[in-house]
Amino acid sequence: MRALVKEKPEPGLWLADLPIPAIGPDDVLVKIKKTGICGTDAHIFNWDTWAQKTIPTPMTVGHEYAGEIAEVGAGVKRLVVGQRVSGEGHVVGTRSRAARGGRYHLDPETRGIGVDIPGAFADYVRVPAFNIVPLPDAVDDELGAILDPLGNAVHTALTYDLVGEDVLITGAGPIGIMAAAVARHVGARHVVITDVNPKRLALAAEVADVLPVDVSREDLKAVMARLKMAEGFDVALEMSGAPSAFDQLFDSIVTGGRVALLGLPARPTLVDWNKVIFKQLTLKGVYGREMFETWHKMIAMLESGLDIRKVVTHRLPVERFREGFEIMRRGDSGKIVLDWSA
């Protein structure tokens, strides 16, 4: 089978020819139709400090996927060959208190598909049956391939009650844009998304009914005044990982406001804790998806009118994967989907 492999500890990925994975009794073999390129994949492609510390080589990468079941293990029930599926990219253990209590997203033994174990940038991927999520007819393969990052957006956005609230989102990458669409879908009043990349801000306005703000050109306080927001944002979702976004966020949020943090800083950053303490803010770190409540909610929202289709800006055959990574590196894209069906 074809597979995108980090063959060597250096920048790049290689399209290789590998054996189709053998599955165990509790696994399924998924024939991949479409995959999404994630920021994690870009880190691996670039071979940055995080990737050098994390990724063993050789490793088949990729964890955003949709396809159909090609084979089921002897112990697998309720899944059948030919069924359209996506799946949770975090493979959890069974020994920790969190896992035994059903809080799988908090399991410290979590391993990542395409990071710690062979991934989905391939014609076939082996996945534990526990991780498989069947796709309804309303969710086609392209949307199925980006459910993983949509899940990050949904998990972050639904951390707090957004109904009637004023929401600030810092970072207009694909996940930030999808979080903005979710916030609007569930009933937020004003949704403001900030960035310094005009292309991504334009995409945010195209995907969702939100107000994009280029904070390199426009003062956020002036935007708040224009919206008649007397005290500040009720909820902030930090999606950028940019140190400047923290100050922007803490200055703009109401006293007693609530903050969900998903963006990962490239390096340790200073935080003015006086602002956090004196404003009595609630902060929560968010990682991945709640298994499997987030999956239920995001699929239900897609079935009930949440429209994120336009966040996909590029569709490429897998043979043009290098082009996709270069577009992503320039910041000229939303989600990029690779087609494996040819």
C-alpha atoms as a PDB file:
ATOM      1  CA  MET A   1       0.000   0.000   0.000  1.00  0.00           C
ATOM      2  CA  ARG A   2       0.968   3.674  -0.340  1.00  0.00           C
ATOM      3  CA  ALA A   3       1.921   5.481   2.855  1.00  0.00           C
ATOM      4  CA  LEU A   4       3.374   8.864   3.824  1.00  0.00           C
ATOM      5  CA  VAL A   5       6.276   8.032   6.081  1.00  0.00           C
ATOM      6  CA  LYS A   6       8.735   9.994   8.162  1.00  0.00           C
ATOM      7  CA  GLU A   7      11.527   7.721   6.993  1.00  0.00           C
ATOM      8  CA  LYS A   8      14.484   9.700   8.328  1.00  0.00           C
ATOM      9  CA  PRO A   9      15.083  12.169  11.183  1.00  0.00           C
ATOM     10  CA  GLU A  10      15.172  15.205   8.911  1.00  0.00           C
ATOM     11  CA  PRO A  11      12.660  17.580   7.261  1.00  0.00           C
ATOM     12  CA  GLY A  12      10.209  16.040   4.810  1.00  0.00           C
ATOM     13  CA  LEU A  13       7.921  13.055   4.300  1.00  0.00           C
ATOM     14  CA  TRP A  14       8.273  10.251   1.805  1.00  0.00           C
ATOM     15  CA  LEU A  15       5.617   8.382  -0.183  1.00  0.00           C
ATOM     16  CA  ALA A  16       6.555   4.766   0.451  1.00  0.00           C
ATOM     17  CA  ASP A  17       5.276   1.297  -0.416  1.00  0.00           C
ATOM     18  CA  LEU A  18       4.481  -0.678   2.769  1.00  0.00           C
ATOM     19  CA  PRO A  19       2.678  -3.922   3.617  1.00  0.00           C
ATOM     20  CA  ILE A  20      -1.010  -3.627   4.539  1.00  0.00           C
ATOM     21  CA  PRO A  21      -1.212  -3.796   8.373  1.00  0.00           C
ATOM     22  CA  ALA A  22      -2.316  -7.027  10.018  1.00  0.00           C
ATOM     23  CA  ILE A  23      -5.070  -6.553  12.594  1.00  0.00           C
ATOM     24  CA  GLY A  24      -5.738  -8.140  15.966  1.00  0.00           C
ATOM     25  CA  PRO A  25      -9.029  -9.546  17.301  1.00  0.00           C
ATOM     26  CA  ASP A  26     -10.159  -6.157  18.658  1.00  0.00           C
ATOM     27  CA  ASP A  27      -9.079  -4.064  15.679  1.00  0.00           C
ATOM     28  CA  VAL A  28     -10.521  -2.983  12.374  1.00  0.00           C
ATOM     29  CA  LEU A  29      -8.722  -2.281   9.125  1.00  0.00           C
ATOM     30  CA  VAL A  30      -9.917   0.956   7.526  1.00  0.00           C
ATOM     31  CA  LYS A  31      -9.471   1.628   3.804  1.00  0.00           C
ATOM     32  CA  ILE A  32      -8.679   5.328   3.683  1.00  0.00           C
ATOM     33  CA  LYS A  33     -10.622   7.601   1.321  1.00  0.00           C
ATOM     34  CA  LYS A  34      -9.652  11.094   2.520  1.00  0.00           C
ATOM     35  CA  THR A  35      -7.334  12.610   5.115  1.00  0.00           C
ATOM     36  CA  GLY A  36      -6.795  16.080   6.535  1.00  0.00           C
ATOM     37  CA  ILE A  37      -3.393  17.664   7.081  1.00  0.00           C
ATOM     38  CA  CYS A  38      -3.059  18.781  10.700  1.00  0.00           C
ATOM     39  CA  GLY A  39      -0.703  21.240  12.370  1.00  0.00           C
ATOM     40  CA  THR A  40       0.862  18.247  14.097  1.00  0.00           C
ATOM     41  CA  ASP A  41       1.663  16.759  10.687  1.00  0.00           C
ATOM     42  CA  ALA A  42       3.289  20.051   9.697  1.00  0.00           C
ATOM     43  CA  HIS A  43       5.487  19.923  12.813  1.00  0.00           C
ATOM     44  CA  ILE A  44       6.530  16.397  11.820  1.00  0.00           C
ATOM     45  CA  PHE A  45       7.145  17.418   8.203  1.00  0.00           C
ATOM     46  CA  ASN A  46       9.272  20.390   9.324  1.00  0.00           C
ATOM     47  CA  TRP A  47      11.066  18.220  11.891  1.00  0.00           C
ATOM     48  CA  ASP A  48      11.018  20.918  14.564  1.00  0.00           C
ATOM     49  CA  THR A  49      12.150  20.533  18.161  1.00  0.00           C
ATOM     50  CA  TRP A  50       8.887  18.948  19.291  1.00  0.00           C
ATOM     51  CA  ALA A  51       8.950  16.409  16.453  1.00  0.00           C
ATOM     52  CA  GLN A  52      12.588  15.506  17.101  1.00  0.00           C
ATOM     53  CA  LYS A  53      11.757  14.738  20.735  1.00  0.00           C
ATOM     54  CA  THR A  54       8.522  12.898  19.988  1.00  0.00           C
ATOM     55  CA  ILE A  55       8.426  11.006  16.695  1.00  0.00           C
ATOM     56  CA  PRO A  56      10.258   7.692  16.244  1.00  0.00           C
ATOM     57  CA  THR A  57      11.459   6.967  12.725  1.00  0.00           C
ATOM     58  CA  PRO A  58      10.346   5.404  10.512  1.00  0.00           C
ATOM     59  CA  MET A  59       6.691   6.314  11.249  1.00  0.00           C
ATOM     60  CA  THR A  60       3.592   6.453   9.055  1.00  0.00           C
ATOM     61  CA  VAL A  61       1.978   9.748  10.014  1.00  0.00           C
ATOM     62  CA  GLY A  62      -1.522  11.265   9.868  1.00  0.00           C
ATOM     63  CA  HIS A  63      -4.542  11.000  12.153  1.00  0.00           C
ATOM     64  CA  GLU A  64      -7.420  12.881  10.453  1.00  0.00           C
ATOM     65  CA  TYR A  65      -9.221  10.420   8.211  1.00  0.00           C
ATOM     66  CA  ALA A  66     -12.387   8.979   6.740  1.00  0.00           C
ATOM     67  CA  GLY A  67     -12.831   5.707   4.924  1.00  0.00           C
ATOM     68  CA  GLU A  68     -14.607   2.393   5.050  1.00  0.00           C
ATOM     69  CA  ILE A  69     -14.033  -0.773   7.010  1.00  0.00           C
ATOM     70  CA  ALA A  70     -12.137  -3.366   4.977  1.00  0.00           C
ATOM     71  CA  GLU A  71     -11.748  -6.023   7.686  1.00  0.00           C
ATOM     72  CA  VAL A  72     -12.889  -6.595  11.277  1.00  0.00           C
ATOM     73  CA  GLY A  73     -11.172  -8.586  14.008  1.00  0.00           C
ATOM     74  CA  ALA A  74     -12.693 -11.780  15.376  1.00  0.00           C
ATOM     75  CA  GLY A  75     -13.769 -10.074  18.596  1.00  0.00           C
ATOM     76  CA  VAL A  76     -15.353  -6.998  17.010  1.00  0.00           C
ATOM     77  CA  LYS A  77     -19.117  -6.550  17.253  1.00  0.00           C
ATOM     78  CA  ARG A  78     -21.496  -3.920  15.786  1.00  0.00           C
ATOM     79  CA  LEU A  79     -19.045  -2.915  13.042  1.00  0.00           C
ATOM     80  CA  VAL A  80     -19.190  -4.427   9.550  1.00  0.00           C
ATOM     81  CA  VAL A  81     -17.124  -4.499   6.394  1.00  0.00           C
ATOM     82  CA  GLY A  82     -18.082  -1.667   4.043  1.00  0.00           C
ATOM     83  CA  GLN A  83     -19.255   0.660   6.821  1.00  0.00           C
ATOM     84  CA  ARG A  84     -18.205   4.312   6.424  1.00  0.00           C
ATOM     85  CA  VAL A  85     -16.204   5.504   9.423  1.00  0.00           C
ATOM     86  CA  SER A  86     -13.849   7.998  10.982  1.00  0.00           C
ATOM     87  CA  GLY A  87     -12.229   7.576  14.368  1.00  0.00           C
ATOM     88  CA  GLU A  88     -10.671   8.975  17.496  1.00  0.00           C
ATOM     89  CA  GLY A  89      -6.925   9.468  17.048  1.00  0.00           C
ATOM     90  CA  HIS A  90      -6.054   9.016  20.728  1.00  0.00           C
ATOM     91  CA  VAL A  91      -5.589   5.385  21.727  1.00  0.00           C
ATOM     92  CA  VAL A  92      -6.074   5.065  25.477  1.00  0.00           C
ATOM     93  CA  GLY A  93      -5.123   2.530  28.102  1.00  0.00           C
ATOM     94  CA  THR A  94      -7.308   0.787  30.671  1.00  0.00           C
ATOM     95  CA  ARG A  95      -5.273   1.030  33.889  1.00  0.00           C
ATOM     96  CA  SER A  96      -5.489   4.659  34.981  1.00  0.00           C
ATOM     97  CA  ARG A  97      -8.111   6.032  37.325  1.00  0.00           C
ATOM     98  CA  ALA A  98      -9.338   8.344  34.554  1.00  0.00           C
ATOM     99  CA  ALA A  99      -9.773   5.540  32.011  1.00  0.00           C
ATOM    100  CA  ARG A 100     -11.434   3.208  34.510  1.00  0.00           C
ATOM    101  CA  GLY A 101     -13.793   6.062  35.397  1.00  0.00           C
ATOM    102  CA  GLY A 102     -14.750   6.589  31.749  1.00  0.00           C
ATOM    103  CA  ARG A 103     -12.820   9.872  31.416  1.00  0.00           C
ATOM    104  CA  TYR A 104     -10.771   8.516  28.536  1.00  0.00           C
ATOM    105  CA  HIS A 105      -9.511  11.901  27.301  1.00  0.00           C
ATOM    106  CA  LEU A 106      -7.617  12.289  30.600  1.00  0.00           C
ATOM    107  CA  ASP A 107      -5.777   8.965  30.398  1.00  0.00           C
ATOM    108  CA  PRO A 108      -2.023   9.531  30.905  1.00  0.00           C
ATOM    109  CA  GLU A 109      -1.208   6.416  28.838  1.00  0.00           C
ATOM    110  CA  THR A 110      -2.715   7.928  25.672  1.00  0.00           C
ATOM    111  CA  ARG A 111      -0.866   7.212  22.418  1.00  0.00           C
ATOM    112  CA  GLY A 112      -1.458   9.112  19.210  1.00  0.00           C
ATOM    113  CA  ILE A 113      -2.222   7.517  15.850  1.00  0.00           C
ATOM    114  CA  GLY A 114       0.365   8.893  13.435  1.00  0.00           C
ATOM    115  CA  VAL A 115       2.553  10.059  16.317  1.00  0.00           C
ATOM    116  CA  ASP A 116       3.291   7.074  18.564  1.00  0.00           C
ATOM    117  CA  ILE A 117       1.743   4.307  16.450  1.00  0.00           C
ATOM    118  CA  PRO A 118       1.351   3.987  12.638  1.00  0.00           C
ATOM    119  CA  GLY A 119      -1.050   6.524  11.224  1.00  0.00           C
ATOM    120  CA  ALA A 120      -3.711   7.123   8.613  1.00  0.00           C
ATOM    121  CA  PHE A 121      -1.753   8.742   5.768  1.00  0.00           C
ATOM    122  CA  ALA A 122      -1.902   5.407   3.991  1.00  0.00           C
ATOM    123  CA  ASP A 123      -4.234   3.293   1.900  1.00  0.00           C
ATOM    124  CA  TYR A 124      -5.059   1.290   5.031  1.00  0.00           C
ATOM    125  CA  VAL A 125      -4.782   1.929   8.770  1.00  0.00           C
ATOM    126  CA  ARG A 126      -5.218  -0.404  11.711  1.00  0.00           C
ATOM    127  CA  VAL A 127      -7.443   1.126  14.412  1.00  0.00           C
ATOM    128  CA  PRO A 128      -8.797  -0.313  17.685  1.00  0.00           C
ATOM    129  CA  ALA A 129     -12.515  -0.965  17.234  1.00  0.00           C
ATOM    130  CA  PHE A 130     -13.113   1.082  20.398  1.00  0.00           C
ATOM    131  CA  ASN A 131     -11.881   4.198  18.551  1.00  0.00           C
ATOM    132  CA  ILE A 132     -14.070   3.826  15.470  1.00  0.00           C
ATOM    133  CA  VAL A 133     -16.897   6.326  14.892  1.00  0.00           C
ATOM    134  CA  PRO A 134     -19.474   5.382  12.209  1.00  0.00           C
ATOM    135  CA  LEU A 135     -20.421   8.188   9.828  1.00  0.00           C
ATOM    136  CA  PRO A 136     -24.047   9.011   9.031  1.00  0.00           C
ATOM    137  CA  ASP A 137     -25.060   9.763   5.437  1.00  0.00           C
ATOM    138  CA  ALA A 138     -25.175  13.500   6.247  1.00  0.00           C
ATOM    139  CA  VAL A 139     -21.406  13.504   6.895  1.00  0.00           C
ATOM    140  CA  ASP A 140     -19.527  12.763   3.680  1.00  0.00           C
ATOM    141  CA  ASP A 141     -15.921  11.607   3.485  1.00  0.00           C
ATOM    142  CA  GLU A 142     -14.510  15.136   3.229  1.00  0.00           C
ATOM    143  CA  LEU A 143     -16.251  16.256   6.422  1.00  0.00           C
ATOM    144  CA  GLY A 144     -15.415  12.913   8.021  1.00  0.00           C
ATOM    145  CA  ALA A 145     -11.730  13.579   7.357  1.00  0.00           C
ATOM    146  CA  ILE A 146     -11.831  16.791   9.416  1.00  0.00           C
ATOM    147  CA  LEU A 147     -13.918  15.591  12.360  1.00  0.00           C
ATOM    148  CA  ASP A 148     -10.779  15.286  14.495  1.00  0.00           C
ATOM    149  CA  PRO A 149      -9.965  19.040  14.355  1.00  0.00           C
ATOM    150  CA  LEU A 150     -13.657  19.950  14.452  1.00  0.00           C
ATOM    151  CA  GLY A 151     -13.727  17.928  17.667  1.00  0.00           C
ATOM    152  CA  ASN A 152     -10.979  20.129  19.104  1.00  0.00           C
ATOM    153  CA  ALA A 153     -13.087  23.175  18.235  1.00  0.00           C
ATOM    154  CA  VAL A 154     -16.263  21.682  19.693  1.00  0.00           C
ATOM    155  CA  HIS A 155     -14.538  20.507  22.883  1.00  0.00           C
ATOM    156  CA  THR A 156     -13.096  24.001  23.404  1.00  0.00           C
ATOM    157  CA  ALA A 157     -16.217  25.948  22.489  1.00  0.00           C
ATOM    158  CA  LEU A 158     -18.554  23.825  24.598  1.00  0.00           C
ATOM    159  CA  THR A 159     -16.343  24.017  27.679  1.00  0.00           C
ATOM    160  CA  TYR A 160     -18.597  26.836  28.875  1.00  0.00           C
ATOM    161  CA  ASP A 161     -22.210  27.858  28.304  1.00  0.00           C
ATOM    162  CA  LEU A 162     -22.160  30.253  25.325  1.00  0.00           C
ATOM    163  CA  VAL A 163     -25.875  30.999  24.961  1.00  0.00           C
ATOM    164  CA  GLY A 164     -26.336  34.770  24.817  1.00  0.00           C
ATOM    165  CA  GLU A 165     -22.674  35.388  25.674  1.00  0.00           C
ATOM    166  CA  ASP A 166     -20.070  37.594  23.993  1.00  0.00           C
ATOM    167  CA  VAL A 167     -17.218  35.378  22.817  1.00  0.00           C
ATOM    168  CA  LEU A 168     -13.639  36.274  21.881  1.00  0.00           C
ATOM    169  CA  ILE A 169     -11.593  33.791  19.851  1.00  0.00           C
ATOM    170  CA  THR A 170      -7.869  34.511  19.505  1.00  0.00           C
ATOM    171  CA  GLY A 171      -6.402  32.761  16.477  1.00  0.00           C
ATOM    172  CA  ALA A 172      -8.128  32.324  13.088  1.00  0.00           C
ATOM    173  CA  GLY A 173      -6.566  29.032  12.116  1.00  0.00           C
ATOM    174  CA  PRO A 174      -8.960  26.306  10.939  1.00  0.00           C
ATOM    175  CA  ILE A 175      -9.785  25.172  14.477  1.00  0.00           C
ATOM    176  CA  GLY A 176     -10.390  28.738  15.661  1.00  0.00           C
ATOM    177  CA  ILE A 177     -12.651  29.364  12.666  1.00  0.00           C
ATOM    178  CA  MET A 178     -14.620  26.179  13.324  1.00  0.00           C
ATOM    179  CA  ALA A 179     -14.936  27.125  17.010  1.00  0.00           C
ATOM    180  CA  ALA A 180     -16.372  30.465  15.909  1.00  0.00           C
ATOM    181  CA  ALA A 181     -18.942  28.664  13.760  1.00  0.00           C
ATOM    182  CA  VAL A 182     -19.835  26.413  16.700  1.00  0.00           C
ATOM    183  CA  ALA A 183     -20.208  29.396  19.051  1.00  0.00           C
ATOM    184  CA  ARG A 184     -22.612  31.051  16.637  1.00  0.00           C
ATOM    185  CA  HIS A 185     -24.492  27.774  16.066  1.00  0.00           C
ATOM    186  CA  VAL A 186     -25.171  27.235  19.782  1.00  0.00           C
ATOM    187  CA  GLY A 187     -26.396  30.781  20.408  1.00  0.00           C
ATOM    188  CA  ALA A 188     -23.562  33.164  21.298  1.00  0.00           C
ATOM    189  CA  ARG A 189     -24.444  36.858  20.853  1.00  0.00           C
ATOM    190  CA  HIS A 190     -21.290  38.543  19.541  1.00  0.00           C
ATOM    191  CA  VAL A 191     -18.461  36.339  18.220  1.00  0.00           C
ATOM    192  CA  VAL A 192     -15.202  38.177  17.535  1.00  0.00           C
ATOM    193  CA  ILE A 193     -12.172  36.352  16.103  1.00  0.00           C
ATOM    194  CA  THR A 194      -8.710  37.936  16.010  1.00  0.00           C
ATOM    195  CA  ASP A 195      -5.548  37.284  14.027  1.00  0.00           C
ATOM    196  CA  VAL A 196      -2.898  39.123  12.003  1.00  0.00           C
ATOM    197  CA  ASN A 197      -3.311  37.009   8.843  1.00  0.00           C
ATOM    198  CA  PRO A 198      -5.815  38.773   6.543  1.00  0.00           C
ATOM    199  CA  LYS A 199      -6.449  35.646   4.463  1.00  0.00           C
ATOM    200  CA  ARG A 200      -7.481  33.622   7.488  1.00  0.00           C
ATOM    201  CA  LEU A 201      -9.641  36.440   8.819  1.00  0.00           C
ATOM    202  CA  ALA A 202     -11.378  36.647   5.447  1.00  0.00           C
ATOM    203  CA  LEU A 203     -11.936  32.895   5.558  1.00  0.00           C
ATOM    204  CA  ALA A 204     -13.418  33.185   9.064  1.00  0.00           C
ATOM    205  CA  ALA A 205     -15.972  35.713   7.804  1.00  0.00           C
ATOM    206  CA  GLU A 206     -16.807  33.406   4.906  1.00  0.00           C
ATOM    207  CA  VAL A 207     -17.293  30.312   7.065  1.00  0.00           C
ATOM    208  CA  ALA A 208     -19.276  31.830   9.931  1.00  0.00           C
ATOM    209  CA  ASP A 209     -21.331  34.864  10.952  1.00  0.00           C
ATOM    210  CA  VAL A 210     -18.525  36.384  13.013  1.00  0.00           C
ATOM    211  CA  LEU A 211     -16.615  39.656  13.231  1.00  0.00           C
ATOM    212  CA  PRO A 212     -12.956  39.228  12.166  1.00  0.00           C
ATOM    213  CA  VAL A 213     -10.468  41.697  13.652  1.00  0.00           C
ATOM    214  CA  ASP A 214      -6.881  42.214  12.486  1.00  0.00           C
ATOM    215  CA  VAL A 215      -5.291  43.243  15.791  1.00  0.00           C
ATOM    216  CA  SER A 216      -2.214  44.554  13.977  1.00  0.00           C
ATOM    217  CA  ARG A 217      -4.441  47.237  12.416  1.00  0.00           C
ATOM    218  CA  GLU A 218      -7.457  47.637  14.683  1.00  0.00           C
ATOM    219  CA  ASP A 219      -7.823  48.204  18.427  1.00  0.00           C
ATOM    220  CA  LEU A 220      -9.938  45.504  20.054  1.00  0.00           C
ATOM    221  CA  LYS A 221     -11.230  48.017  22.619  1.00  0.00           C
ATOM    222  CA  ALA A 222     -12.661  50.116  19.770  1.00  0.00           C
ATOM    223  CA  VAL A 223     -14.374  47.011  18.380  1.00  0.00           C
ATOM    224  CA  MET A 224     -15.907  46.310  21.770  1.00  0.00           C
ATOM    225  CA  ALA A 225     -17.210  49.883  21.988  1.00  0.00           C
ATOM    226  CA  ARG A 226     -18.717  49.584  18.518  1.00  0.00           C
ATOM    227  CA  LEU A 227     -20.549  46.449  19.639  1.00  0.00           C
ATOM    228  CA  LYS A 228     -21.761  48.285  22.778  1.00  0.00           C
ATOM    229  CA  MET A 229     -19.947  45.841  25.064  1.00  0.00           C
ATOM    230  CA  ALA A 230     -19.598  47.843  28.265  1.00  0.00           C
ATOM    231  CA  GLU A 231     -17.646  45.384  30.421  1.00  0.00           C
ATOM    232  CA  GLY A 232     -15.850  42.878  28.210  1.00  0.00           C
ATOM    233  CA  PHE A 233     -16.142  39.431  26.686  1.00  0.00           C
ATOM    234  CA  ASP A 234     -17.839  36.786  28.802  1.00  0.00           C
ATOM    235  CA  VAL A 235     -15.915  33.842  27.326  1.00  0.00           C
ATOM    236  CA  ALA A 236     -12.555  33.665  25.541  1.00  0.00           C
ATOM    237  CA  LEU A 237     -11.215  30.761  23.493  1.00  0.00           C
ATOM    238  CA  GLU A 238      -7.440  30.923  22.987  1.00  0.00           C
ATOM    239  CA  MET A 239      -6.548  29.071  19.780  1.00  0.00           C
ATOM    240  CA  SER A 240      -3.338  30.757  18.615  1.00  0.00           C
ATOM    241  CA  GLY A 241      -0.593  29.910  21.096  1.00  0.00           C
ATOM    242  CA  ALA A 242       0.744  33.432  20.494  1.00  0.00           C
ATOM    243  CA  PRO A 243       2.102  35.147  23.641  1.00  0.00           C
ATOM    244  CA  SER A 244       0.571  38.478  22.565  1.00  0.00           C
ATOM    245  CA  ALA A 245      -2.864  36.860  22.487  1.00  0.00           C
ATOM    246  CA  PHE A 246      -2.775  36.232  26.236  1.00  0.00           C
ATOM    247  CA  ASP A 247      -2.425  39.935  27.061  1.00  0.00           C
ATOM    248  CA  GLN A 248      -5.079  40.796  24.483  1.00  0.00           C
ATOM    249  CA  LEU A 249      -7.409  38.224  25.985  1.00  0.00           C
ATOM    250  CA  PHE A 250      -6.896  39.135  29.645  1.00  0.00           C
ATOM    251  CA  ASP A 251      -7.320  42.858  28.899  1.00  0.00           C
ATOM    252  CA  SER A 252     -10.590  42.295  27.029  1.00  0.00           C
ATOM    253  CA  ILE A 253     -12.424  39.782  29.195  1.00  0.00           C
ATOM    254  CA  VAL A 254     -14.972  40.705  31.850  1.00  0.00           C
ATOM    255  CA  THR A 255     -14.211  40.276  35.548  1.00  0.00           C
ATOM    256  CA  GLY A 256     -15.242  36.726  36.402  1.00  0.00           C
ATOM    257  CA  GLY A 257     -14.832  35.674  32.767  1.00  0.00           C
ATOM    258  CA  ARG A 258     -14.090  32.173  31.576  1.00  0.00           C
ATOM    259  CA  VAL A 259     -11.171  31.124  29.370  1.00  0.00           C
ATOM    260  CA  ALA A 260     -10.538  27.885  27.458  1.00  0.00           C
ATOM    261  CA  LEU A 261      -6.966  27.356  26.258  1.00  0.00           C
ATOM    262  CA  LEU A 262      -6.287  25.118  23.243  1.00  0.00           C
ATOM    263  CA  GLY A 263      -3.456  26.902  21.396  1.00  0.00           C
ATOM    264  CA  LEU A 264       0.029  25.576  22.108  1.00  0.00           C
ATOM    265  CA  PRO A 265       2.841  28.156  22.446  1.00  0.00           C
ATOM    266  CA  ALA A 266       5.976  27.281  20.508  1.00  0.00           C
ATOM    267  CA  ARG A 267       8.008  27.977  23.656  1.00  0.00           C
ATOM    268  CA  PRO A 268       7.354  28.849  27.317  1.00  0.00           C
ATOM    269  CA  THR A 269       5.700  32.243  27.622  1.00  0.00           C
ATOM    270  CA  LEU A 270       5.189  34.793  30.377  1.00  0.00           C
ATOM    271  CA  VAL A 271       1.685  35.302  31.735  1.00  0.00           C
ATOM    272  CA  ASP A 272       0.615  38.305  33.822  1.00  0.00           C
ATOM    273  CA  TRP A 273      -1.019  36.343  36.622  1.00  0.00           C
ATOM    274  CA  ASN A 274      -2.089  39.568  38.338  1.00  0.00           C
ATOM    275  CA  LYS A 275      -4.674  40.008  35.591  1.00  0.00           C
ATOM    276  CA  VAL A 276      -5.912  36.469  36.083  1.00  0.00           C
ATOM    277  CA  ILE A 277      -6.145  36.815  39.847  1.00  0.00           C
ATOM    278  CA  PHE A 278      -7.617  40.305  40.132  1.00  0.00           C
ATOM    279  CA  LYS A 279     -10.150  39.578  37.380  1.00  0.00           C
ATOM    280  CA  GLN A 280     -10.995  36.272  39.106  1.00  0.00           C
ATOM    281  CA  LEU A 281     -10.856  34.392  35.828  1.00  0.00           C
ATOM    282  CA  THR A 282     -11.567  30.704  35.306  1.00  0.00           C
ATOM    283  CA  LEU A 283      -8.989  29.009  33.043  1.00  0.00           C
ATOM    284  CA  LYS A 284      -9.207  25.515  31.604  1.00  0.00           C
ATOM    285  CA  GLY A 285      -6.718  23.728  29.388  1.00  0.00           C
ATOM    286  CA  VAL A 286      -8.260  21.728  26.550  1.00  0.00           C
ATOM    287  CA  TYR A 287      -6.647  18.870  24.627  1.00  0.00           C
ATOM    288  CA  GLY A 288      -8.208  16.637  22.004  1.00  0.00           C
ATOM    289  CA  ARG A 289     -11.805  15.544  22.344  1.00  0.00           C
ATOM    290  CA  GLU A 290     -13.941  14.127  25.145  1.00  0.00           C
ATOM    291  CA  MET A 291     -14.415  10.494  24.215  1.00  0.00           C
ATOM    292  CA  PHE A 292     -16.992  10.122  22.933  1.00  0.00           C
ATOM    293  CA  GLU A 293     -19.350  12.908  23.932  1.00  0.00           C
ATOM    294  CA  THR A 294     -17.617  15.433  21.661  1.00  0.00           C
ATOM    295  CA  TRP A 295     -18.050  13.096  18.688  1.00  0.00           C
ATOM    296  CA  HIS A 296     -21.777  12.765  19.392  1.00  0.00           C
ATOM    297  CA  LYS A 297     -22.273  16.517  19.713  1.00  0.00           C
ATOM    298  CA  MET A 298     -20.320  17.536  16.621  1.00  0.00           C
ATOM    299  CA  ILE A 299     -22.025  14.976  14.396  1.00  0.00           C
ATOM    300  CA  ALA A 300     -25.397  16.047  15.798  1.00  0.00           C
ATOM    301  CA  MET A 301     -24.582  19.698  15.041  1.00  0.00           C
ATOM    302  CA  LEU A 302     -23.521  18.850  11.480  1.00  0.00           C
ATOM    303  CA  GLU A 303     -26.818  17.002  11.028  1.00  0.00           C
ATOM    304  CA  SER A 304     -28.748  19.997  12.428  1.00  0.00           C
ATOM    305  CA  GLY A 305     -27.249  22.739  10.276  1.00  0.00           C
ATOM    306  CA  LEU A 306     -23.683  23.519  11.383  1.00  0.00           C
ATOM    307  CA  ASP A 307     -21.901  24.333   8.112  1.00  0.00           C
ATOM    308  CA  ILE A 308     -18.083  24.289   8.122  1.00  0.00           C
ATOM    309  CA  ARG A 309     -17.577  23.140   4.528  1.00  0.00           C
ATOM    310  CA  LYS A 310     -15.837  26.323   3.427  1.00  0.00           C
ATOM    311  CA  VAL A 311     -13.045  25.811   5.965  1.00  0.00           C
ATOM    312  CA  VAL A 312     -11.697  23.265   3.448  1.00  0.00           C
ATOM    313  CA  THR A 313      -9.792  25.432   0.972  1.00  0.00           C
ATOM    314  CA  HIS A 314      -7.611  22.904  -0.867  1.00  0.00           C
ATOM    315  CA  ARG A 315      -8.273  19.390  -2.155  1.00  0.00           C
ATOM    316  CA  LEU A 316      -5.288  17.504  -3.522  1.00  0.00           C
ATOM    317  CA  PRO A 317      -4.467  13.942  -4.603  1.00  0.00           C
ATOM    318  CA  VAL A 318      -2.073  12.361  -2.155  1.00  0.00           C
ATOM    319  CA  GLU A 319       0.731  12.423  -4.725  1.00  0.00           C
ATOM    320  CA  ARG A 320       0.738  16.246  -4.351  1.00  0.00           C
ATOM    321  CA  PHE A 321       1.192  16.142  -0.581  1.00  0.00           C
ATOM    322  CA  ARG A 322       4.346  18.302  -0.675  1.00  0.00           C
ATOM    323  CA  GLU A 323       2.348  21.069  -2.321  1.00  0.00           C
ATOM    324  CA  GLY A 324      -0.215  20.824   0.451  1.00  0.00           C
ATOM    325  CA  PHE A 325       2.406  21.155   3.181  1.00  0.00           C
ATOM    326  CA  GLU A 326       3.984  24.133   1.420  1.00  0.00           C
ATOM    327  CA  ILE A 327       0.618  25.907   1.159  1.00  0.00           C
ATOM    328  CA  MET A 328       0.040  25.236   4.847  1.00  0.00           C
ATOM    329  CA  ARG A 329       3.516  26.517   5.739  1.00  0.00           C
ATOM    330  CA  ARG A 330       2.738  29.841   3.999  1.00  0.00           C
ATOM    331  CA  GLY A 331      -0.470  30.275   5.977  1.00  0.00           C
ATOM    332  CA  ASP A 332      -2.466  30.438   2.748  1.00  0.00           C
ATOM    333  CA  SER A 333      -5.067  27.829   3.607  1.00  0.00           C
ATOM    334  CA  GLY A 334      -7.806  26.576   5.818  1.00  0.00           C
ATOM    335  CA  LYS A 335      -8.003  22.800   5.975  1.00  0.00           C
ATOM    336  CA  ILE A 336      -6.213  20.833   3.256  1.00  0.00           C
ATOM    337  CA  VAL A 337      -7.715  17.450   2.372  1.00  0.00           C
ATOM    338  CA  LEU A 338      -5.745  14.710   0.617  1.00  0.00           C
ATOM    339  CA  ASP A 339      -7.640  12.264  -1.606  1.00  0.00           C
ATOM    340  CA  TRP A 340      -6.514   8.623  -1.437  1.00  0.00           C
ATOM    341  CA  SER A 341      -9.287   7.163  -3.611  1.00  0.00           C
ATOM    342  CA  ALA A 342      -7.468   7.381  -6.970  1.00  0.00           C
END
